[in-house]
Amino acid sequence: MPKAYWIANVTVTDPDAYKGYQTIAPAAFAQFGARFLARGDAETLEGNAWERRVIIEFPDMDAARACYASETYRTARAERAKACTADIALIEALD
């Protein structure tokens, strides 16, 4: 099975509240074999500007979906919702 990636675009609106997400989310990522490939400031050439861009690699689509649906990540998402705006897409790698 090909690897899968979360591509997240994030603008933090409350840095203190965002720490709650940053405390919880790593456990979900570790549970599903995720690995951060890129994270931080990004230069926007076209489209909407976001404060941060994140690319997270998963072993496959099943793991990426399971992570997003997990109880741990649902808890993290609830924290994130209070602290930022975000768009997250899931994409499968090319063979």
C-alpha atoms as a PDB file:
ATOM      1  CA  MET A   1       0.000   0.000   0.000  1.00  0.00           C
ATOM      2  CA  PRO A   2       1.275   3.503  -0.780  1.00  0.00           C
ATOM      3  CA  LYS A   3       2.014   5.938   2.002  1.00  0.00           C
ATOM      4  CA  ALA A   4      -0.462   8.698   2.769  1.00  0.00           C
ATOM      5  CA  TYR A   5      -0.036  12.309   3.835  1.00  0.00           C
ATOM      6  CA  TRP A   6      -1.940  14.848   5.831  1.00  0.00           C
ATOM      7  CA  ILE A   7      -1.408  18.315   4.434  1.00  0.00           C
ATOM      8  CA  ALA A   8      -2.490  20.931   6.941  1.00  0.00           C
ATOM      9  CA  ASN A   9      -2.758  24.685   6.551  1.00  0.00           C
ATOM     10  CA  VAL A  10      -2.996  26.438   9.900  1.00  0.00           C
ATOM     11  CA  THR A  11      -3.264  29.945  11.304  1.00  0.00           C
ATOM     12  CA  VAL A  12      -3.017  30.060  15.094  1.00  0.00           C
ATOM     13  CA  THR A  13      -5.380  32.599  16.669  1.00  0.00           C
ATOM     14  CA  ASP A  14      -4.682  31.809  20.336  1.00  0.00           C
ATOM     15  CA  PRO A  15      -1.134  30.541  20.973  1.00  0.00           C
ATOM     16  CA  ASP A  16      -1.811  29.678  24.614  1.00  0.00           C
ATOM     17  CA  ALA A  17      -4.863  27.574  23.760  1.00  0.00           C
ATOM     18  CA  TYR A  18      -2.953  25.933  20.871  1.00  0.00           C
ATOM     19  CA  LYS A  19      -0.572  24.435  23.424  1.00  0.00           C
ATOM     20  CA  GLY A  20      -3.429  22.126  24.455  1.00  0.00           C
ATOM     21  CA  TYR A  21      -3.494  20.672  20.943  1.00  0.00           C
ATOM     22  CA  GLN A  22       0.292  20.408  20.827  1.00  0.00           C
ATOM     23  CA  THR A  23       0.252  18.449  24.092  1.00  0.00           C
ATOM     24  CA  ILE A  24      -2.328  15.865  22.984  1.00  0.00           C
ATOM     25  CA  ALA A  25      -1.853  15.373  19.220  1.00  0.00           C
ATOM     26  CA  PRO A  26       1.641  13.785  19.281  1.00  0.00           C
ATOM     27  CA  ALA A  27       0.264  10.699  21.058  1.00  0.00           C
ATOM     28  CA  ALA A  28      -2.216  10.113  18.239  1.00  0.00           C
ATOM     29  CA  PHE A  29       0.458  10.572  15.587  1.00  0.00           C
ATOM     30  CA  ALA A  30       2.791   8.135  17.350  1.00  0.00           C
ATOM     31  CA  GLN A  31       0.027   5.553  17.741  1.00  0.00           C
ATOM     32  CA  PHE A  32      -0.531   5.468  13.970  1.00  0.00           C
ATOM     33  CA  GLY A  33       3.080   5.576  12.804  1.00  0.00           C
ATOM     34  CA  ALA A  34       3.061   9.193  11.615  1.00  0.00           C
ATOM     35  CA  ARG A  35       6.195  11.118  10.775  1.00  0.00           C
ATOM     36  CA  PHE A  36       6.466  14.888  10.271  1.00  0.00           C
ATOM     37  CA  LEU A  37       8.085  15.752   6.948  1.00  0.00           C
ATOM     38  CA  ALA A  38       7.622  19.533   7.053  1.00  0.00           C
ATOM     39  CA  ARG A  39       6.253  21.963   9.599  1.00  0.00           C
ATOM     40  CA  GLY A  40       6.447  25.710   9.981  1.00  0.00           C
ATOM     41  CA  ASP A  41       6.282  28.953   8.087  1.00  0.00           C
ATOM     42  CA  ALA A  42       5.703  28.695   4.357  1.00  0.00           C
ATOM     43  CA  GLU A  43       5.827  31.083   1.453  1.00  0.00           C
ATOM     44  CA  THR A  44       2.469  31.335  -0.306  1.00  0.00           C
ATOM     45  CA  LEU A  45       2.892  31.755  -4.056  1.00  0.00           C
ATOM     46  CA  GLU A  46      -0.802  31.463  -4.949  1.00  0.00           C
ATOM     47  CA  GLY A  47      -4.034  31.049  -3.045  1.00  0.00           C
ATOM     48  CA  ASN A  48      -4.805  31.686   0.594  1.00  0.00           C
ATOM     49  CA  ALA A  49      -1.979  32.637   2.904  1.00  0.00           C
ATOM     50  CA  TRP A  50      -1.666  30.539   6.051  1.00  0.00           C
ATOM     51  CA  GLU A  51       0.639  31.064   8.995  1.00  0.00           C
ATOM     52  CA  ARG A  52       1.924  27.465   8.956  1.00  0.00           C
ATOM     53  CA  ARG A  53       1.965  24.451   6.666  1.00  0.00           C
ATOM     54  CA  VAL A  54       2.404  20.891   7.904  1.00  0.00           C
ATOM     55  CA  ILE A  55       3.014  17.643   6.015  1.00  0.00           C
ATOM     56  CA  ILE A  56       2.650  14.418   7.993  1.00  0.00           C
ATOM     57  CA  GLU A  57       3.444  11.016   6.501  1.00  0.00           C
ATOM     58  CA  PHE A  58       1.494   7.879   7.455  1.00  0.00           C
ATOM     59  CA  PRO A  59       2.193   4.261   6.523  1.00  0.00           C
ATOM     60  CA  ASP A  60      -1.010   4.182   4.417  1.00  0.00           C
ATOM     61  CA  MET A  61      -4.474   5.717   3.988  1.00  0.00           C
ATOM     62  CA  ASP A  62      -6.012   3.404   6.590  1.00  0.00           C
ATOM     63  CA  ALA A  63      -3.562   4.629   9.242  1.00  0.00           C
ATOM     64  CA  ALA A  64      -4.092   8.284   8.277  1.00  0.00           C
ATOM     65  CA  ARG A  65      -7.872   7.934   8.487  1.00  0.00           C
ATOM     66  CA  ALA A  66      -7.712   5.940  11.717  1.00  0.00           C
ATOM     67  CA  CYS A  67      -5.541   8.608  13.327  1.00  0.00           C
ATOM     68  CA  TYR A  68      -7.975  11.367  12.387  1.00  0.00           C
ATOM     69  CA  ALA A  69     -10.919   9.345  13.732  1.00  0.00           C
ATOM     70  CA  SER A  70      -9.165   8.206  16.922  1.00  0.00           C
ATOM     71  CA  GLU A  71     -10.373   9.252  20.346  1.00  0.00           C
ATOM     72  CA  THR A  72      -7.016  10.851  21.097  1.00  0.00           C
ATOM     73  CA  TYR A  73      -7.050  12.978  17.955  1.00  0.00           C
ATOM     74  CA  ARG A  74     -10.719  13.916  18.448  1.00  0.00           C
ATOM     75  CA  THR A  75      -9.694  15.304  21.831  1.00  0.00           C
ATOM     76  CA  ALA A  76      -6.791  17.162  20.223  1.00  0.00           C
ATOM     77  CA  ARG A  77      -9.090  18.553  17.505  1.00  0.00           C
ATOM     78  CA  ALA A  78     -11.412  19.955  20.179  1.00  0.00           C
ATOM     79  CA  GLU A  79      -8.431  21.826  21.646  1.00  0.00           C
ATOM     80  CA  ARG A  80      -7.308  22.981  18.208  1.00  0.00           C
ATOM     81  CA  ALA A  81     -10.762  24.318  17.340  1.00  0.00           C
ATOM     82  CA  LYS A  82     -10.451  26.857  20.163  1.00  0.00           C
ATOM     83  CA  ALA A  83      -7.043  28.036  19.017  1.00  0.00           C
ATOM     84  CA  CYS A  84      -6.749  28.241  15.233  1.00  0.00           C
ATOM     85  CA  THR A  85      -8.272  28.002  11.805  1.00  0.00           C
ATOM     86  CA  ALA A  86      -7.162  25.032   9.746  1.00  0.00           C
ATOM     87  CA  ASP A  87      -7.679  23.099   6.532  1.00  0.00           C
ATOM     88  CA  ILE A  88      -6.524  19.487   6.431  1.00  0.00           C
ATOM     89  CA  ALA A  89      -6.383  17.289   3.356  1.00  0.00           C
ATOM     90  CA  LEU A  90      -5.501  13.622   3.026  1.00  0.00           C
ATOM     91  CA  ILE A  91      -3.632  12.433  -0.056  1.00  0.00           C
ATOM     92  CA  GLU A  92      -2.241   9.081  -1.115  1.00  0.00           C
ATOM     93  CA  ALA A  93       1.329   8.859  -2.393  1.00  0.00           C
ATOM     94  CA  LEU A  94       2.081   7.811  -5.922  1.00  0.00           C
ATOM     95  CA  ASP A  95       3.270   4.234  -6.311  1.00  0.00           C
END
